[in-house]
């Protein structure tokens, strides 16, 4: 485990080999009762093709950080880079999967997946969409409406919708938190397999230490609000990882070590 520190980020883009760079990200929200300090001077490099998990308690600013990386939230201070592009608004290379699938109830599955193409005024890539539907087990459900799909199927659809436009970065904001444990394990296995096949850069928000250890190359552990990076954990476990790894002594020891680190910082 390595302590977070200064990353020496340049003022003009991400360093070579780095897909995204966060430099001094600070965020205040203005509320009726006063300013809320959500993020405090967060600096981070995300490597090309990395699976990075950001872990922390509720209210620590991890989702604020992710939404800022997506260009959906402005920062009060600091910068975010995708290569040499400063991220101040949504970027065509970045796709995001939210806590809810956010499928439009009046559109069937096929038309929900085609929505990003409509917004970009592009023809749907039907060959890619068909391949993705086959890959996630949704082939044959194209004409079903969201109400006819389970929660896991809806999240699979949201993954297809995001990957259909072939982004280079996929941001995932606690996408499986509302699913039952069995379905969540299935989704984690699916995301691991898709990442291994595509080698896209994935940044995944979670409050589950088990989920973060199962999925990540590195885990960024954030402190309670205002959110700061308190530790960066190199996972270092071989892939592919099966669900059974979660019951091994070595895995449990890692979970307990991260939990103890978080509890110590709270004290």
Protein backbone atom coordinates (compact mmCIF):
# COMPACT_ATOMS: atom_id res chain seq x y z
CA UNK A 1 0.00 0.00 0.00
CA UNK A 2 1.36 3.37 -0.97
CA UNK A 3 0.43 6.63 0.67
CA UNK A 4 -1.14 9.19 -1.59
CA UNK A 5 0.99 12.19 -2.28
CA UNK A 6 1.94 14.70 -4.92
CA UNK A 7 1.81 13.23 -8.40
CA UNK A 8 3.74 16.03 -10.06
CA UNK A 9 1.10 16.50 -12.73
CA UNK A 10 1.88 18.92 -15.54
CA UNK A 11 -0.18 22.03 -16.24
CA UNK A 12 -1.18 21.18 -19.79
CA UNK A 13 -2.24 17.53 -20.03
CA UNK A 14 -1.79 14.03 -18.70
CA UNK A 15 1.73 12.55 -18.63
CA UNK A 16 2.76 9.94 -21.20
CA UNK A 17 1.14 6.57 -20.46
CA UNK A 18 -1.54 8.23 -18.36
CA UNK A 19 -5.09 8.17 -19.69
CA UNK A 20 -6.60 10.68 -17.27
CA UNK A 21 -5.07 13.03 -14.75
CA UNK A 22 -6.75 14.86 -11.89
CA UNK A 23 -4.84 17.85 -10.62
CA UNK A 24 -5.78 19.52 -7.33
CA UNK A 25 -9.52 18.84 -7.70
CA UNK A 26 -11.46 20.88 -5.14
CA UNK A 27 -15.22 21.23 -4.96
CA UNK A 28 -17.54 23.35 -2.81
CA UNK A 29 -21.32 23.07 -3.08
CA UNK A 30 -23.40 26.08 -2.13
CA UNK A 31 -26.45 25.18 -0.05
CA UNK A 32 -29.01 27.20 1.88
CA UNK A 33 -27.17 26.45 5.12
CA UNK A 34 -23.76 27.38 3.70
CA UNK A 35 -20.93 25.91 1.63
CA UNK A 36 -20.25 22.16 1.69
CA UNK A 37 -16.64 21.17 1.10
CA UNK A 38 -16.93 17.97 -0.99
CA UNK A 39 -13.41 17.52 -2.43
CA UNK A 40 -10.10 18.88 -1.19
CA UNK A 41 -7.05 19.05 -3.47
CA UNK A 42 -7.36 15.58 -5.02
CA UNK A 43 -4.60 14.63 -7.47
CA UNK A 44 -4.55 11.31 -9.29
CA UNK A 45 -3.19 9.64 -12.40
CA UNK A 46 -5.18 6.90 -14.15
CA UNK A 47 -3.07 4.66 -16.35
CA UNK A 48 -3.97 3.69 -19.90
CA UNK A 49 -6.07 0.51 -19.79
CA UNK A 50 -6.21 0.45 -16.00
CA UNK A 51 -9.11 -0.80 -13.88
CA UNK A 52 -9.16 1.70 -11.02
CA UNK A 53 -11.62 1.55 -8.13
CA UNK A 54 -12.34 4.56 -5.95
CA UNK A 55 -13.47 3.42 -2.51
CA UNK A 56 -14.88 5.40 0.37
CA UNK A 57 -17.79 5.91 2.75
CA UNK A 58 -21.02 7.61 1.73
CA UNK A 59 -20.58 11.36 1.39
CA UNK A 60 -16.80 11.24 0.88
CA UNK A 61 -16.97 12.93 -2.54
CA UNK A 62 -16.16 9.89 -4.68
CA UNK A 63 -19.20 10.37 -6.92
CA UNK A 64 -18.50 14.11 -7.12
CA UNK A 65 -15.00 13.26 -8.33
CA UNK A 66 -16.33 10.81 -10.92
CA UNK A 67 -18.99 13.22 -12.21
CA UNK A 68 -16.28 15.87 -12.55
CA UNK A 69 -14.14 13.41 -14.53
CA UNK A 70 -17.16 12.90 -16.79
CA UNK A 71 -17.46 16.65 -17.34
CA UNK A 72 -20.88 16.71 -15.66
CA UNK A 73 -19.82 18.72 -12.59
CA UNK A 74 -17.58 21.78 -12.64
CA UNK A 75 -14.77 22.07 -10.09
CA UNK A 76 -14.24 24.95 -7.70
CA UNK A 77 -10.51 24.51 -8.21
CA UNK A 78 -8.10 22.24 -10.05
CA UNK A 79 -8.17 20.56 -13.46
CA UNK A 80 -8.96 17.21 -15.04
CA UNK A 81 -7.28 16.01 -18.22
CA UNK A 82 -8.00 13.30 -20.78
CA UNK A 83 -4.71 13.23 -22.63
CA UNK A 84 -4.21 16.85 -23.64
CA UNK A 85 -7.92 17.71 -23.41
CA UNK A 86 -9.10 19.62 -20.35
CA UNK A 87 -12.38 18.09 -19.18
CA UNK A 88 -14.92 20.86 -18.55
CA UNK A 89 -17.91 19.25 -20.29
CA UNK A 90 -18.89 15.78 -21.57
CA UNK A 91 -16.27 14.28 -23.89
CA UNK A 92 -16.97 11.81 -26.75
CA UNK A 93 -14.25 9.45 -25.46
CA UNK A 94 -15.84 9.18 -22.00
CA UNK A 95 -19.00 7.18 -21.22
CA UNK A 96 -20.66 6.88 -17.82
CA UNK A 97 -22.80 4.22 -16.16
CA UNK A 98 -24.86 5.48 -13.24
CA UNK A 99 -26.21 3.92 -10.03
CA UNK A 100 -29.53 3.44 -11.81
CA UNK A 101 -29.78 2.08 -15.36
CA UNK A 102 -31.74 5.22 -16.41
CA UNK A 103 -33.48 3.49 -19.30
CA UNK A 104 -36.30 5.55 -20.79
CA UNK A 105 -39.52 3.67 -19.93
CA UNK A 106 -41.27 4.54 -23.21
CA UNK A 107 -38.43 3.13 -25.34
CA UNK A 108 -37.73 -0.53 -25.85
CA UNK A 109 -34.24 -1.94 -25.22
CA UNK A 110 -33.03 -1.42 -28.79
CA UNK A 111 -34.14 2.20 -28.89
CA UNK A 112 -32.62 2.91 -25.47
CA UNK A 113 -29.27 1.60 -26.69
CA UNK A 114 -29.52 3.73 -29.84
CA UNK A 115 -30.08 6.94 -27.86
CA UNK A 116 -26.39 8.02 -27.64
CA UNK A 117 -26.14 7.72 -31.42
CA UNK A 118 -29.22 9.91 -31.83
CA UNK A 119 -27.75 12.54 -29.50
CA UNK A 120 -24.51 12.53 -31.51
CA UNK A 121 -26.50 12.53 -34.78
CA UNK A 122 -24.76 9.33 -35.89
CA UNK A 123 -26.20 6.15 -37.39
CA UNK A 124 -26.30 3.26 -34.88
CA UNK A 125 -23.45 0.78 -35.16
CA UNK A 126 -25.75 -2.21 -35.42
CA UNK A 127 -22.99 -4.79 -35.81
CA UNK A 128 -21.33 -3.59 -32.62
CA UNK A 129 -24.65 -3.37 -30.76
CA UNK A 130 -25.62 -6.91 -31.82
CA UNK A 131 -22.23 -8.25 -30.70
CA UNK A 132 -22.53 -6.53 -27.33
CA UNK A 133 -26.09 -7.76 -26.79
CA UNK A 134 -24.89 -11.29 -27.52
CA UNK A 135 -21.93 -10.81 -25.17
CA UNK A 136 -24.04 -9.73 -22.17
CA UNK A 137 -26.85 -12.24 -22.75
CA UNK A 138 -29.51 -9.79 -23.97
CA UNK A 139 -29.83 -10.99 -27.55
CA UNK A 140 -33.52 -11.53 -28.26
CA UNK A 141 -34.67 -8.90 -25.74
CA UNK A 142 -34.35 -5.93 -28.12
CA UNK A 143 -38.12 -5.26 -28.19
CA UNK A 144 -38.66 -5.57 -24.44
CA UNK A 145 -39.38 -2.43 -22.38
CA UNK A 146 -37.50 -1.62 -19.16
CA UNK A 147 -40.45 -2.70 -16.99
CA UNK A 148 -40.12 -6.18 -18.53
CA UNK A 149 -36.45 -6.53 -17.53
CA UNK A 150 -34.90 -7.42 -14.18
CA UNK A 151 -32.55 -4.99 -12.43
CA UNK A 152 -29.52 -6.95 -13.59
CA UNK A 153 -30.77 -7.00 -17.17
CA UNK A 154 -31.35 -3.25 -17.07
CA UNK A 155 -27.78 -2.68 -15.91
CA UNK A 156 -26.49 -4.99 -18.64
CA UNK A 157 -28.42 -2.83 -21.09
CA UNK A 158 -26.81 0.31 -19.67
CA UNK A 159 -23.38 -1.28 -20.17
CA UNK A 160 -24.25 -2.04 -23.81
CA UNK A 161 -25.55 1.50 -24.30
CA UNK A 162 -22.28 2.96 -22.97
CA UNK A 163 -19.97 0.60 -24.88
CA UNK A 164 -21.92 0.84 -28.14
CA UNK A 165 -20.34 4.22 -28.97
CA UNK A 166 -16.89 2.67 -28.29
CA UNK A 167 -15.51 5.10 -25.67
CA UNK A 168 -11.93 4.77 -24.49
CA UNK A 169 -12.86 5.54 -20.85
CA UNK A 170 -15.77 4.01 -18.94
CA UNK A 171 -16.82 5.65 -15.67
CA UNK A 172 -19.05 3.56 -13.37
CA UNK A 173 -20.78 5.13 -10.36
CA UNK A 174 -21.74 2.29 -7.96
CA UNK A 175 -23.65 0.59 -10.79
CA UNK A 176 -24.43 -2.63 -8.90
CA UNK A 177 -25.16 -1.30 -5.43
CA UNK A 178 -28.93 -1.90 -5.68
CA UNK A 179 -28.63 -5.50 -6.95
CA UNK A 180 -28.89 -8.64 -4.86
CA UNK A 181 -25.62 -10.35 -3.90
CA UNK A 182 -25.89 -13.13 -6.49
CA UNK A 183 -26.65 -10.75 -9.37
CA UNK A 184 -23.92 -8.39 -8.19
CA UNK A 185 -21.36 -11.22 -8.38
CA UNK A 186 -22.55 -12.01 -11.91
CA UNK A 187 -22.20 -8.37 -12.95
CA UNK A 188 -18.72 -8.08 -11.44
CA UNK A 189 -17.62 -11.16 -13.37
CA UNK A 190 -19.11 -9.70 -16.56
CA UNK A 191 -17.38 -6.34 -16.13
CA UNK A 192 -14.05 -8.06 -15.42
CA UNK A 193 -14.43 -10.15 -18.58
CA UNK A 194 -15.36 -7.13 -20.73
CA UNK A 195 -12.39 -5.17 -19.35
CA UNK A 196 -10.00 -8.06 -20.07
CA UNK A 197 -11.35 -8.33 -23.62
CA UNK A 198 -11.37 -4.61 -24.45
CA UNK A 199 -8.62 -3.18 -22.18
CA UNK A 200 -10.60 0.02 -21.86
CA UNK A 201 -9.75 2.35 -19.01
CA UNK A 202 -12.37 1.82 -16.28
CA UNK A 203 -12.86 3.98 -13.19
CA UNK A 204 -15.33 2.32 -10.84
CA UNK A 205 -16.88 3.88 -7.72
CA UNK A 206 -17.87 1.62 -4.83
CA UNK A 207 -18.24 1.58 -1.05
CA UNK A 208 -17.62 -2.20 -0.96
CA UNK A 209 -14.05 -3.23 -0.08
CA UNK A 210 -14.75 -6.74 -1.42
CA UNK A 211 -15.97 -5.40 -4.77
CA UNK A 212 -13.01 -3.04 -5.10
CA UNK A 213 -10.46 -5.78 -4.35
CA UNK A 214 -12.16 -8.19 -6.73
CA UNK A 215 -12.22 -5.77 -9.68
CA UNK A 216 -9.32 -3.36 -9.40
CA UNK A 217 -5.70 -3.07 -10.42
CA UNK A 218 -5.42 -0.24 -7.89
CA UNK A 219 -7.78 1.07 -5.23
CA UNK A 220 -7.94 4.74 -4.31
CA UNK A 221 -9.18 5.00 -0.72
CA UNK A 222 -10.82 8.32 0.08
CA UNK A 223 -11.32 9.95 3.45
CA UNK A 224 -14.59 11.23 4.86
CA UNK A 225 -15.70 14.68 3.69
CA UNK A 226 -13.97 16.73 2.53
CA UNK A 227 -12.81 13.97 0.24
CA UNK A 228 -9.06 13.46 0.09
CA UNK A 229 -6.96 10.53 -1.10
CA UNK A 230 -5.74 8.84 2.04
CA UNK A 231 -4.18 5.74 0.46
CA UNK A 232 -3.59 4.00 -2.86
CA UNK A 233 -3.58 0.20 -2.73
CA UNK A 234 -1.88 -1.93 -5.39
CA UNK A 235 -4.02 -5.08 -5.63
CA UNK A 236 -1.52 -7.31 -7.44
CA UNK A 237 -3.74 -10.41 -7.73
CA UNK A 238 -3.67 -12.44 -10.96
CA UNK A 239 -6.60 -12.49 -13.38
CA UNK A 240 -9.09 -13.77 -14.20
CA UNK A 241 -10.48 -13.72 -10.67
CA UNK A 242 -13.31 -16.06 -9.79
CA UNK A 243 -15.88 -15.27 -7.12
CA UNK A 244 -14.41 -18.05 -4.96
CA UNK A 245 -11.30 -15.92 -4.41
CA UNK A 246 -13.35 -13.78 -2.02
CA UNK A 247 -13.42 -16.61 0.55
CA UNK A 248 -9.67 -17.29 0.52
CA UNK A 249 -7.58 -16.32 3.58
CA UNK A 250 -5.34 -14.02 1.52
CA UNK A 251 -8.33 -12.08 0.14
CA UNK A 252 -10.00 -11.81 3.54
CA UNK A 253 -6.72 -10.58 5.02
CA UNK A 254 -6.58 -7.82 2.39
CA UNK A 255 -10.18 -6.82 3.09
CA UNK A 256 -9.46 -6.59 6.82
CA UNK A 257 -6.28 -4.58 6.22
CA UNK A 258 -8.12 -1.95 4.17
CA UNK A 259 -10.98 -1.84 6.68
CA UNK A 260 -8.53 -1.35 9.54
CA UNK A 261 -6.79 1.43 7.63
CA UNK A 262 -10.10 3.24 7.07
CA UNK A 263 -11.19 2.72 10.68
CA UNK A 264 -7.82 4.01 11.93
CA UNK A 265 -8.16 7.19 9.88
CA UNK A 266 -11.67 7.72 11.25
CA UNK A 267 -10.45 7.49 14.85
